[in-house]
């Protein structure tokens, strides 16, 4: 039976505070890379719930999604996987002391747009800088564009 192609649905948090953006440094098969706090949508959760969960698991910062920055379709260069990323902006609280970060996450870090651009060779994907630039350009879509139908 032929495999049916499906994109991997992911969410990301684009968090800015005082001109700095919250990123994570994570272990990958290509070495340590930077990414927004991001991850895969899990069964039964909404995109908004997934963004809040992933941001907290990867940074220990509670995150409240308030708007959609953009939707991005990106095929990895090896052609094996295509990601469909929903990037959310919103507010973030202080890190919860003692909260363990997800496996593979080395640390959370706050970087300026210039610092992010300067380390582009260490980005997990080109979506990182694109999401930051879209955020800085003022891209904001209301969350009510998204509809989640859960079984009750």
N, C-alpha and C. Protein backbone atom coordinates (compact mmCIF):
# COMPACT_ATOMS: atom_id res chain seq x y z
N UNK A 1 0.84 -1.18 0.00
CA UNK A 1 0.00 0.00 0.00
C UNK A 1 0.89 1.24 0.00
N UNK A 2 0.58 2.19 -0.87
CA UNK A 2 1.34 3.44 -0.93
C UNK A 2 1.05 4.29 0.29
N UNK A 3 2.10 4.93 0.77
CA UNK A 3 1.96 5.83 1.91
C UNK A 3 1.29 7.12 1.44
N UNK A 4 0.32 7.59 2.19
CA UNK A 4 -0.36 8.83 1.89
C UNK A 4 0.48 9.98 2.45
N UNK A 5 0.75 10.97 1.59
CA UNK A 5 1.53 12.12 2.04
C UNK A 5 0.69 13.01 2.94
N UNK A 6 1.27 13.40 4.06
CA UNK A 6 0.63 14.34 4.96
C UNK A 6 1.70 15.24 5.55
N UNK A 7 1.42 16.53 5.69
CA UNK A 7 2.40 17.40 6.35
C UNK A 7 2.38 17.15 7.85
N UNK A 8 3.49 17.45 8.51
CA UNK A 8 3.56 17.42 9.97
C UNK A 8 3.10 18.77 10.49
N UNK A 9 2.04 18.77 11.27
CA UNK A 9 1.50 20.01 11.81
C UNK A 9 2.27 20.38 13.08
N UNK A 10 2.82 21.59 13.07
CA UNK A 10 3.57 22.08 14.22
C UNK A 10 3.06 23.45 14.62
N UNK A 11 3.39 23.82 15.84
CA UNK A 11 3.06 25.14 16.38
C UNK A 11 4.35 25.76 16.89
N UNK A 12 4.37 27.08 16.93
CA UNK A 12 5.53 27.80 17.44
C UNK A 12 5.07 29.04 18.18
N UNK A 13 5.85 29.44 19.18
CA UNK A 13 5.58 30.66 19.94
C UNK A 13 6.61 31.71 19.54
N UNK A 14 6.12 32.84 19.07
CA UNK A 14 6.97 33.98 18.74
C UNK A 14 6.79 34.97 19.88
N UNK A 15 7.76 34.99 20.79
CA UNK A 15 7.64 35.75 22.02
C UNK A 15 8.70 36.84 22.04
N UNK A 16 8.25 38.09 22.20
CA UNK A 16 9.17 39.23 22.25
C UNK A 16 9.00 39.96 23.58
N UNK A 17 10.11 40.33 24.14
CA UNK A 17 10.10 41.11 25.38
C UNK A 17 11.29 42.07 25.32
N UNK A 18 11.00 43.34 25.35
CA UNK A 18 12.06 44.35 25.37
C UNK A 18 13.01 44.26 24.19
N UNK A 19 12.48 43.92 23.02
CA UNK A 19 13.33 43.83 21.82
C UNK A 19 14.09 42.53 21.68
N UNK A 20 13.84 41.57 22.57
CA UNK A 20 14.49 40.26 22.48
C UNK A 20 13.42 39.18 22.30
N UNK A 21 13.82 38.13 21.59
CA UNK A 21 12.90 37.03 21.30
C UNK A 21 13.33 35.78 22.03
N UNK A 22 12.35 35.05 22.53
CA UNK A 22 12.60 33.81 23.27
C UNK A 22 12.81 32.66 22.29
N UNK A 23 14.01 32.10 22.32
CA UNK A 23 14.34 30.93 21.51
C UNK A 23 14.79 29.81 22.42
N UNK A 24 14.88 28.63 21.86
CA UNK A 24 15.47 27.50 22.56
C UNK A 24 16.67 27.01 21.78
N UNK A 25 17.65 26.53 22.51
CA UNK A 25 18.79 25.85 21.89
C UNK A 25 18.55 24.37 22.15
N UNK A 26 18.53 23.60 21.07
CA UNK A 26 18.16 22.20 21.21
C UNK A 26 19.10 21.28 20.47
N UNK A 27 19.18 20.05 20.96
CA UNK A 27 20.00 19.02 20.32
C UNK A 27 19.24 18.48 19.12
N UNK A 28 19.93 18.39 17.98
CA UNK A 28 19.33 17.82 16.77
C UNK A 28 20.37 16.87 16.16
N UNK A 29 19.96 16.16 15.13
CA UNK A 29 20.90 15.27 14.44
C UNK A 29 22.01 16.07 13.75
N UNK A 30 21.80 17.37 13.56
CA UNK A 30 22.81 18.25 12.97
C UNK A 30 23.57 19.05 14.02
N UNK A 31 23.46 18.68 15.28
CA UNK A 31 24.13 19.41 16.36
C UNK A 31 23.18 20.38 17.04
N UNK A 32 23.73 21.27 17.86
CA UNK A 32 22.91 22.24 18.58
C UNK A 32 22.36 23.27 17.61
N UNK A 33 21.06 23.48 17.68
CA UNK A 33 20.38 24.42 16.79
C UNK A 33 19.43 25.30 17.59
N UNK A 34 19.13 26.48 17.04
CA UNK A 34 18.15 27.39 17.63
C UNK A 34 16.81 27.22 16.95
N UNK A 35 15.75 27.43 17.73
CA UNK A 35 14.39 27.35 17.22
C UNK A 35 13.50 28.20 18.11
N UNK A 36 12.34 28.58 17.61
CA UNK A 36 11.33 29.10 18.51
C UNK A 36 10.88 27.94 19.38
N UNK A 37 10.31 28.22 20.53
CA UNK A 37 9.66 27.13 21.26
C UNK A 37 8.57 26.57 20.34
N UNK A 38 8.70 25.31 20.01
CA UNK A 38 7.83 24.75 18.98
C UNK A 38 7.72 23.24 19.13
N UNK A 39 6.71 22.69 18.50
CA UNK A 39 6.56 21.25 18.52
C UNK A 39 5.32 20.82 17.77
N UNK A 40 5.02 19.55 17.88
CA UNK A 40 3.93 18.94 17.12
C UNK A 40 2.60 19.04 17.83
N UNK A 41 1.57 19.20 17.02
CA UNK A 41 0.19 19.14 17.50
C UNK A 41 -0.08 17.71 17.95
N UNK A 42 -0.66 17.57 19.14
CA UNK A 42 -0.99 16.24 19.64
C UNK A 42 -2.48 15.96 19.46
N UNK A 43 -2.82 14.70 19.40
CA UNK A 43 -4.22 14.28 19.20
C UNK A 43 -5.11 14.91 20.25
N UNK A 44 -6.22 15.48 19.80
CA UNK A 44 -7.23 16.01 20.70
C UNK A 44 -7.02 17.44 21.15
N UNK A 45 -5.85 18.03 20.91
CA UNK A 45 -5.65 19.40 21.39
C UNK A 45 -5.84 20.40 20.25
N UNK A 46 -6.18 21.61 20.62
CA UNK A 46 -6.30 22.67 19.63
C UNK A 46 -4.91 23.23 19.32
N UNK A 47 -4.81 23.96 18.23
CA UNK A 47 -3.53 24.60 17.89
C UNK A 47 -3.09 25.57 18.98
N UNK A 48 -4.03 26.30 19.54
CA UNK A 48 -3.71 27.26 20.60
C UNK A 48 -3.21 26.53 21.85
N UNK A 49 -3.89 25.46 22.22
CA UNK A 49 -3.45 24.66 23.37
C UNK A 49 -2.06 24.09 23.13
N UNK A 50 -1.80 23.62 21.93
CA UNK A 50 -0.50 23.04 21.60
C UNK A 50 0.60 24.09 21.71
N UNK A 51 0.35 25.30 21.23
CA UNK A 51 1.36 26.36 21.31
C UNK A 51 1.69 26.70 22.76
N UNK A 52 0.67 26.80 23.60
CA UNK A 52 0.90 27.10 25.02
C UNK A 52 1.67 25.97 25.68
N UNK A 53 1.28 24.74 25.40
CA UNK A 53 1.95 23.57 26.00
C UNK A 53 3.41 23.49 25.58
N UNK A 54 3.66 23.56 24.28
CA UNK A 54 5.04 23.44 23.79
C UNK A 54 5.94 24.54 24.33
N UNK A 55 5.45 25.77 24.35
CA UNK A 55 6.26 26.87 24.87
C UNK A 55 6.63 26.62 26.32
N UNK A 56 5.67 26.16 27.12
CA UNK A 56 5.96 25.90 28.53
C UNK A 56 6.93 24.73 28.70
N UNK A 57 6.69 23.65 27.96
CA UNK A 57 7.55 22.46 28.09
C UNK A 57 9.00 22.76 27.69
N UNK A 58 9.18 23.65 26.72
CA UNK A 58 10.53 23.89 26.21
C UNK A 58 11.25 25.05 26.89
N UNK A 59 10.50 25.96 27.56
CA UNK A 59 11.14 27.14 28.14
C UNK A 59 10.88 27.34 29.63
N UNK A 60 9.88 26.66 30.17
CA UNK A 60 9.41 26.83 31.55
C UNK A 60 8.69 28.16 31.74
N UNK A 61 8.46 28.90 30.66
CA UNK A 61 7.69 30.15 30.71
C UNK A 61 6.24 29.86 30.34
N UNK A 62 5.27 30.21 31.20
CA UNK A 62 3.87 30.10 30.79
C UNK A 62 3.62 31.05 29.62
N UNK A 63 2.97 30.55 28.57
CA UNK A 63 2.72 31.33 27.36
C UNK A 63 1.23 31.34 27.07
N UNK A 64 0.70 32.53 26.79
CA UNK A 64 -0.70 32.68 26.42
C UNK A 64 -0.77 33.20 24.99
N UNK A 65 -1.14 32.34 24.03
CA UNK A 65 -1.27 32.80 22.64
C UNK A 65 -2.39 33.84 22.53
N UNK A 66 -2.09 34.94 21.83
CA UNK A 66 -3.07 36.02 21.68
C UNK A 66 -3.41 36.33 20.23
N UNK A 67 -2.56 35.91 19.30
CA UNK A 67 -2.80 36.15 17.88
C UNK A 67 -1.96 35.20 17.05
N UNK A 68 -2.34 35.06 15.80
CA UNK A 68 -1.61 34.22 14.86
C UNK A 68 -0.68 35.12 14.05
N UNK A 69 0.61 34.81 14.07
CA UNK A 69 1.59 35.56 13.29
C UNK A 69 1.56 35.11 11.83
N UNK A 70 1.47 33.81 11.62
CA UNK A 70 1.44 33.30 10.25
C UNK A 70 1.35 31.79 10.21
N UNK A 71 1.11 31.30 9.01
CA UNK A 71 1.07 29.87 8.74
C UNK A 71 2.12 29.61 7.67
N UNK A 72 2.99 28.65 7.91
CA UNK A 72 4.17 28.44 7.06
C UNK A 72 4.25 26.98 6.63
N UNK A 73 4.44 26.77 5.35
CA UNK A 73 4.64 25.42 4.81
C UNK A 73 6.09 25.33 4.36
N UNK A 74 6.83 24.38 4.94
CA UNK A 74 8.26 24.26 4.64
C UNK A 74 8.66 22.80 4.48
N UNK A 75 9.10 22.41 3.29
CA UNK A 75 9.65 21.05 3.12
C UNK A 75 11.12 21.05 3.52
N UNK A 76 11.50 20.10 4.34
CA UNK A 76 12.93 19.97 4.68
C UNK A 76 13.71 19.74 3.39
N UNK A 77 14.95 20.21 3.34
CA UNK A 77 15.75 20.04 2.12
C UNK A 77 15.91 18.58 1.67
N UNK A 78 15.89 17.64 2.62
CA UNK A 78 16.03 16.23 2.23
C UNK A 78 14.75 15.66 1.62
N UNK A 79 13.66 16.44 1.65
CA UNK A 79 12.41 16.01 1.04
C UNK A 79 11.62 14.99 1.84
N UNK A 80 12.13 14.60 2.99
CA UNK A 80 11.46 13.56 3.78
C UNK A 80 10.21 14.04 4.50
N UNK A 81 10.22 15.30 4.92
CA UNK A 81 9.13 15.82 5.74
C UNK A 81 8.78 17.23 5.28
N UNK A 82 7.50 17.53 5.28
CA UNK A 82 7.03 18.90 5.09
C UNK A 82 6.32 19.31 6.37
N UNK A 83 6.69 20.48 6.87
CA UNK A 83 6.08 21.02 8.08
C UNK A 83 5.05 22.06 7.72
N UNK A 84 3.94 22.05 8.42
CA UNK A 84 2.93 23.08 8.34
C UNK A 84 2.90 23.73 9.72
N UNK A 85 3.52 24.90 9.82
CA UNK A 85 3.73 25.57 11.11
C UNK A 85 2.72 26.69 11.31
N UNK A 86 2.08 26.69 12.47
CA UNK A 86 1.21 27.77 12.91
C UNK A 86 1.98 28.52 14.00
N UNK A 87 2.36 29.76 13.70
CA UNK A 87 3.16 30.55 14.65
C UNK A 87 2.25 31.55 15.36
N UNK A 88 2.34 31.54 16.68
CA UNK A 88 1.50 32.38 17.52
C UNK A 88 2.33 33.39 18.29
N UNK A 89 1.80 34.59 18.41
CA UNK A 89 2.37 35.59 19.30
C UNK A 89 1.50 35.68 20.53
N UNK A 90 2.08 36.21 21.59
CA UNK A 90 1.29 36.36 22.81
C UNK A 90 2.14 36.81 23.96
N UNK A 91 1.61 36.63 25.15
CA UNK A 91 2.32 37.07 26.35
C UNK A 91 2.92 35.88 27.07
N UNK A 92 3.98 36.17 27.78
CA UNK A 92 4.72 35.11 28.49
C UNK A 92 4.98 35.58 29.92
N UNK A 93 4.89 34.63 30.83
CA UNK A 93 5.20 34.92 32.22
C UNK A 93 6.65 34.60 32.52
N UNK A 94 7.05 34.81 33.75
CA UNK A 94 8.40 34.48 34.17
C UNK A 94 8.57 32.97 34.21
N UNK A 95 9.79 32.52 34.00
CA UNK A 95 10.09 31.09 34.03
C UNK A 95 9.75 30.53 35.41
N UNK A 96 9.20 29.35 35.44
CA UNK A 96 8.88 28.66 36.69
C UNK A 96 10.15 27.97 37.19
N UNK A 97 10.62 28.40 38.34
CA UNK A 97 11.85 27.84 38.90
C UNK A 97 11.70 26.34 39.12
N UNK A 98 12.72 25.59 38.74
CA UNK A 98 12.74 24.16 38.95
C UNK A 98 12.00 23.35 37.90
N UNK A 99 11.34 24.00 36.96
CA UNK A 99 10.61 23.29 35.91
C UNK A 99 11.61 22.68 34.93
N UNK A 100 11.54 21.37 34.74
CA UNK A 100 12.43 20.69 33.79
C UNK A 100 12.01 21.02 32.36
N UNK A 101 13.00 21.18 31.50
CA UNK A 101 12.73 21.42 30.09
C UNK A 101 12.62 20.09 29.36
N UNK A 102 11.92 20.10 28.23
CA UNK A 102 11.78 18.90 27.41
C UNK A 102 13.12 18.27 27.10
N UNK A 103 13.12 16.97 26.90
CA UNK A 103 14.34 16.25 26.49
C UNK A 103 14.87 16.89 25.22
N UNK A 104 16.17 17.10 25.17
CA UNK A 104 16.81 17.68 24.00
C UNK A 104 16.94 19.18 24.04
N UNK A 105 16.19 19.84 24.91
CA UNK A 105 16.31 21.29 25.03
C UNK A 105 17.44 21.60 26.01
N UNK A 106 18.44 22.32 25.53
CA UNK A 106 19.60 22.66 26.35
C UNK A 106 19.31 23.88 27.22
N UNK A 107 18.67 24.90 26.60
CA UNK A 107 18.37 26.11 27.36
C UNK A 107 17.42 26.99 26.56
N UNK A 108 16.77 27.89 27.29
CA UNK A 108 15.99 28.95 26.67
C UNK A 108 16.87 30.19 26.69
N UNK A 109 16.77 31.01 25.65
CA UNK A 109 17.64 32.17 25.51
C UNK A 109 16.87 33.31 24.87
N UNK A 110 17.17 34.54 25.27
CA UNK A 110 16.55 35.74 24.71
C UNK A 110 17.56 36.42 23.79
N UNK A 111 17.20 36.58 22.50
CA UNK A 111 18.09 37.18 21.52
C UNK A 111 17.39 38.30 20.75
N UNK A 112 18.17 39.29 20.34
CA UNK A 112 17.62 40.34 19.48
C UNK A 112 17.46 39.80 18.06
N UNK A 113 16.75 40.52 17.24
CA UNK A 113 16.59 40.13 15.84
C UNK A 113 17.96 40.05 15.17
N UNK A 114 18.85 40.99 15.47
CA UNK A 114 20.18 41.01 14.87
C UNK A 114 21.00 39.79 15.32
N UNK A 115 20.89 39.42 16.58
CA UNK A 115 21.60 38.24 17.08
C UNK A 115 21.04 36.97 16.43
N UNK A 116 19.74 36.93 16.22
CA UNK A 116 19.13 35.78 15.56
C UNK A 116 19.64 35.67 14.13
N UNK A 117 19.65 36.78 13.42
CA UNK A 117 20.12 36.78 12.03
C UNK A 117 21.60 36.39 11.96
N UNK A 118 22.38 36.81 12.94
CA UNK A 118 23.83 36.54 12.92
C UNK A 118 24.16 35.06 13.11
N UNK A 119 23.24 34.29 13.65
CA UNK A 119 23.52 32.86 13.86
C UNK A 119 22.64 31.98 12.97
N UNK A 120 22.30 32.49 11.79
CA UNK A 120 21.38 31.78 10.88
C UNK A 120 21.86 30.38 10.53
N UNK A 121 23.17 30.16 10.50
CA UNK A 121 23.69 28.82 10.17
C UNK A 121 23.34 27.81 11.26
N UNK A 122 22.92 28.28 12.43
CA UNK A 122 22.55 27.39 13.53
C UNK A 122 21.04 27.31 13.73
N UNK A 123 20.27 27.82 12.78
CA UNK A 123 18.81 27.75 12.88
C UNK A 123 18.33 26.37 12.49
N UNK A 124 17.33 25.90 13.18
CA UNK A 124 16.73 24.59 12.86
C UNK A 124 16.06 24.63 11.48
N UNK A 125 15.53 25.80 11.12
CA UNK A 125 14.90 25.97 9.81
C UNK A 125 14.90 27.46 9.47
N UNK A 126 14.63 27.79 8.20
CA UNK A 126 14.54 29.20 7.83
C UNK A 126 13.28 29.88 8.38
N UNK A 127 12.40 29.10 8.98
CA UNK A 127 11.17 29.67 9.52
C UNK A 127 11.42 30.56 10.73
N UNK A 128 12.52 30.35 11.44
CA UNK A 128 12.78 31.10 12.66
C UNK A 128 12.86 32.60 12.38
N UNK A 129 13.74 32.99 11.49
CA UNK A 129 13.89 34.41 11.16
C UNK A 129 12.66 34.94 10.43
N UNK A 130 12.06 34.13 9.58
CA UNK A 130 10.85 34.56 8.86
C UNK A 130 9.73 34.90 9.85
N UNK A 131 9.54 34.06 10.87
CA UNK A 131 8.50 34.32 11.88
C UNK A 131 8.80 35.60 12.65
N UNK A 132 10.05 35.82 13.02
CA UNK A 132 10.45 37.03 13.73
C UNK A 132 10.18 38.25 12.85
N UNK A 133 10.58 38.18 11.59
CA UNK A 133 10.38 39.32 10.69
C UNK A 133 8.90 39.59 10.44
N UNK A 134 8.10 38.55 10.33
CA UNK A 134 6.66 38.74 10.16
C UNK A 134 6.05 39.38 11.41
N UNK A 135 6.50 38.94 12.57
CA UNK A 135 6.06 39.54 13.83
C UNK A 135 6.42 41.02 13.87
N UNK A 136 7.67 41.33 13.54
CA UNK A 136 8.13 42.73 13.56
C UNK A 136 7.42 43.58 12.51
N UNK A 137 6.97 42.96 11.43
CA UNK A 137 6.23 43.68 10.39
C UNK A 137 4.77 43.92 10.80
N UNK A 138 4.39 43.40 11.96
CA UNK A 138 3.05 43.64 12.48
C UNK A 138 2.00 42.65 12.04
N UNK A 139 2.41 41.50 11.53
CA UNK A 139 1.42 40.49 11.14
C UNK A 139 0.71 39.96 12.38
N UNK A 140 -0.59 40.16 12.42
CA UNK A 140 -1.41 39.72 13.54
C UNK A 140 -2.77 39.30 12.99
N UNK A 141 -3.13 38.06 13.16
CA UNK A 141 -4.46 37.60 12.80
C UNK A 141 -5.15 37.14 14.08
N UNK A 142 -6.44 37.43 14.20
CA UNK A 142 -7.14 37.05 15.42
C UNK A 142 -7.28 35.53 15.55
N UNK A 143 -7.26 35.09 16.79
CA UNK A 143 -7.38 33.65 17.05
C UNK A 143 -8.73 33.09 16.63
N UNK A 144 -9.74 33.95 16.51
CA UNK A 144 -11.05 33.42 16.13
C UNK A 144 -11.10 32.97 14.66
N UNK A 145 -10.00 33.14 13.92
CA UNK A 145 -9.89 32.52 12.60
C UNK A 145 -9.83 31.01 12.71
N UNK A 146 -9.35 30.53 13.84
CA UNK A 146 -9.14 29.10 14.05
C UNK A 146 -10.37 28.50 14.73
N UNK A 147 -10.79 27.38 14.25
CA UNK A 147 -11.92 26.67 14.86
C UNK A 147 -11.46 25.27 15.24
N UNK A 148 -11.73 24.91 16.48
CA UNK A 148 -11.37 23.58 16.96
C UNK A 148 -12.66 22.87 17.37
N UNK A 149 -12.92 21.74 16.74
CA UNK A 149 -14.10 20.95 17.05
C UNK A 149 -13.66 19.71 17.78
N UNK A 150 -13.91 19.70 19.08
CA UNK A 150 -13.53 18.56 19.91
C UNK A 150 -14.76 17.72 20.19
N UNK A 151 -14.52 16.44 20.33
CA UNK A 151 -15.64 15.57 20.74
C UNK A 151 -16.02 15.90 22.17
N UNK A 152 -17.31 15.92 22.44
CA UNK A 152 -17.72 16.19 23.81
C UNK A 152 -18.30 14.99 24.49
